[in-house]
Amino acid sequence: MCTDKTPDPIMALQTRLLGELPDDIAMARDAYHRLAGEAAGIMDAKEFSAHQAACKAALGHLESLIKLLRWACEGAGEVDDDAPAKRNVDQLIAEARSTLNRA
């Protein structure tokens, strides 16, 4: 139990994540974009398969960061499950998965 003298470590973590995760997500998104763009230079099936696996891993990492940001926002009372921003993120993740599955 936290008192006025001992800060809540979960709240402290959520506050820290709220400050850091937007930049982390932007960096992960940029790295994914660069990685996905490298497919044009891949010629054989083995290289393409490894590249696709790397893209899926990068997308999973990005999705985990977004979920972590949602958790931090919920702790701060900033997320509504019906909010347009949440639906947009969910749609982007679904579209990216669909694109990877077609490749």
Protein backbone atom coordinates (compact mmCIF):
# COMPACT_ATOMS: atom_id res chain seq x y z
CA MET A 1 0.00 0.00 0.00
CA CYS A 2 1.32 3.43 -0.92
CA THR A 3 1.10 6.42 1.33
CA ASP A 4 1.70 10.09 0.68
CA LYS A 5 5.37 9.51 1.51
CA THR A 6 5.86 6.46 -0.72
CA PRO A 7 5.00 6.94 -4.38
CA ASP A 8 3.07 4.28 -6.25
CA PRO A 9 5.69 2.51 -8.42
CA ILE A 10 3.09 1.52 -11.03
CA MET A 11 1.91 5.11 -11.40
CA ALA A 12 5.53 6.27 -11.62
CA LEU A 13 6.17 3.71 -14.38
CA GLN A 14 3.04 4.75 -16.27
CA THR A 15 4.07 8.39 -16.09
CA ARG A 16 7.55 7.56 -17.37
CA LEU A 17 6.14 5.44 -20.19
CA LEU A 18 3.74 8.20 -21.22
CA GLY A 19 6.74 10.46 -21.70
CA GLU A 20 8.99 7.97 -23.51
CA LEU A 21 6.78 5.63 -25.54
CA PRO A 22 5.60 8.05 -28.24
CA ASP A 23 9.21 8.57 -29.35
CA ASP A 24 9.97 4.85 -29.04
CA ILE A 25 6.93 4.03 -31.18
CA ALA A 26 7.97 6.58 -33.81
CA MET A 27 11.49 5.07 -33.95
CA ALA A 28 10.10 1.52 -34.23
CA ARG A 29 7.70 2.62 -36.96
CA ASP A 30 10.52 4.28 -38.90
CA ALA A 31 12.71 1.18 -38.53
CA TYR A 32 9.85 -1.03 -39.73
CA HIS A 33 9.28 1.27 -42.71
CA ARG A 34 12.97 1.06 -43.67
CA LEU A 35 13.03 -2.71 -43.20
CA ALA A 36 9.87 -3.24 -45.24
CA GLY A 37 11.28 -1.07 -48.03
CA GLU A 38 14.34 -3.28 -48.39
CA ALA A 39 12.30 -6.07 -50.02
CA ALA A 40 12.87 -4.62 -53.49
CA GLY A 41 16.53 -5.69 -53.43
CA ILE A 42 15.83 -9.26 -52.32
CA MET A 43 16.09 -11.80 -55.11
CA ASP A 44 15.90 -15.37 -53.80
CA ALA A 45 13.17 -17.08 -51.79
CA LYS A 46 15.35 -17.77 -48.75
CA GLU A 47 16.28 -14.09 -48.38
CA PHE A 48 12.69 -13.03 -48.91
CA SER A 49 11.44 -15.49 -46.29
CA ALA A 50 13.99 -14.20 -43.75
CA HIS A 51 13.04 -10.63 -44.61
CA GLN A 52 9.34 -11.35 -44.15
CA ALA A 53 10.03 -12.94 -40.74
CA ALA A 54 12.02 -9.85 -39.72
CA CYS A 55 9.14 -7.59 -40.81
CA LYS A 56 6.66 -9.65 -38.78
CA ALA A 57 8.92 -9.45 -35.73
CA ALA A 58 9.26 -5.69 -36.14
CA LEU A 59 5.50 -5.34 -36.47
CA GLY A 60 5.01 -7.42 -33.31
CA HIS A 61 7.44 -5.16 -31.47
CA LEU A 62 5.55 -2.08 -32.64
CA GLU A 63 2.25 -3.61 -31.58
CA SER A 64 3.67 -4.40 -28.11
CA LEU A 65 4.82 -0.80 -27.69
CA ILE A 66 1.35 0.45 -28.65
CA LYS A 67 -0.29 -1.91 -26.14
CA LEU A 68 2.11 -0.71 -23.47
CA LEU A 69 1.23 2.90 -24.28
CA ARG A 70 -2.47 2.05 -23.98
CA TRP A 71 -1.84 0.51 -20.57
CA ALA A 72 0.03 3.62 -19.45
CA CYS A 73 -2.78 5.84 -20.72
CA GLU A 74 -5.43 3.77 -18.98
CA GLY A 75 -3.59 4.25 -15.70
CA ALA A 76 -3.69 7.97 -16.31
CA GLY A 77 -7.38 7.79 -17.25
CA GLU A 78 -6.67 8.89 -20.83
CA VAL A 79 -8.03 6.04 -22.97
CA ASP A 80 -11.58 5.34 -24.02
CA ASP A 81 -12.04 2.01 -25.84
CA ASP A 82 -14.35 3.71 -28.32
CA ALA A 83 -12.00 6.62 -28.96
CA PRO A 84 -11.17 7.26 -32.63
CA ALA A 85 -7.43 7.12 -31.88
CA LYS A 86 -7.74 3.57 -30.51
CA ARG A 87 -9.75 2.45 -33.52
CA ASN A 88 -7.19 4.02 -35.87
CA VAL A 89 -4.28 2.18 -34.21
CA ASP A 90 -6.21 -1.10 -34.33
CA GLN A 91 -6.99 -0.52 -38.01
CA LEU A 92 -3.35 0.27 -38.83
CA ILE A 93 -2.19 -2.93 -37.11
CA ALA A 94 -4.81 -4.99 -38.97
CA GLU A 95 -3.85 -3.46 -42.32
CA ALA A 96 -0.15 -4.07 -41.72
CA ARG A 97 -0.82 -7.70 -40.80
CA SER A 98 -2.95 -8.15 -43.89
CA THR A 99 -0.21 -6.71 -46.08
CA LEU A 100 2.39 -9.03 -44.56
CA ASN A 101 0.14 -12.05 -45.02
CA ARG A 102 -0.34 -11.27 -48.72
CA ALA A 103 3.43 -10.99 -49.30
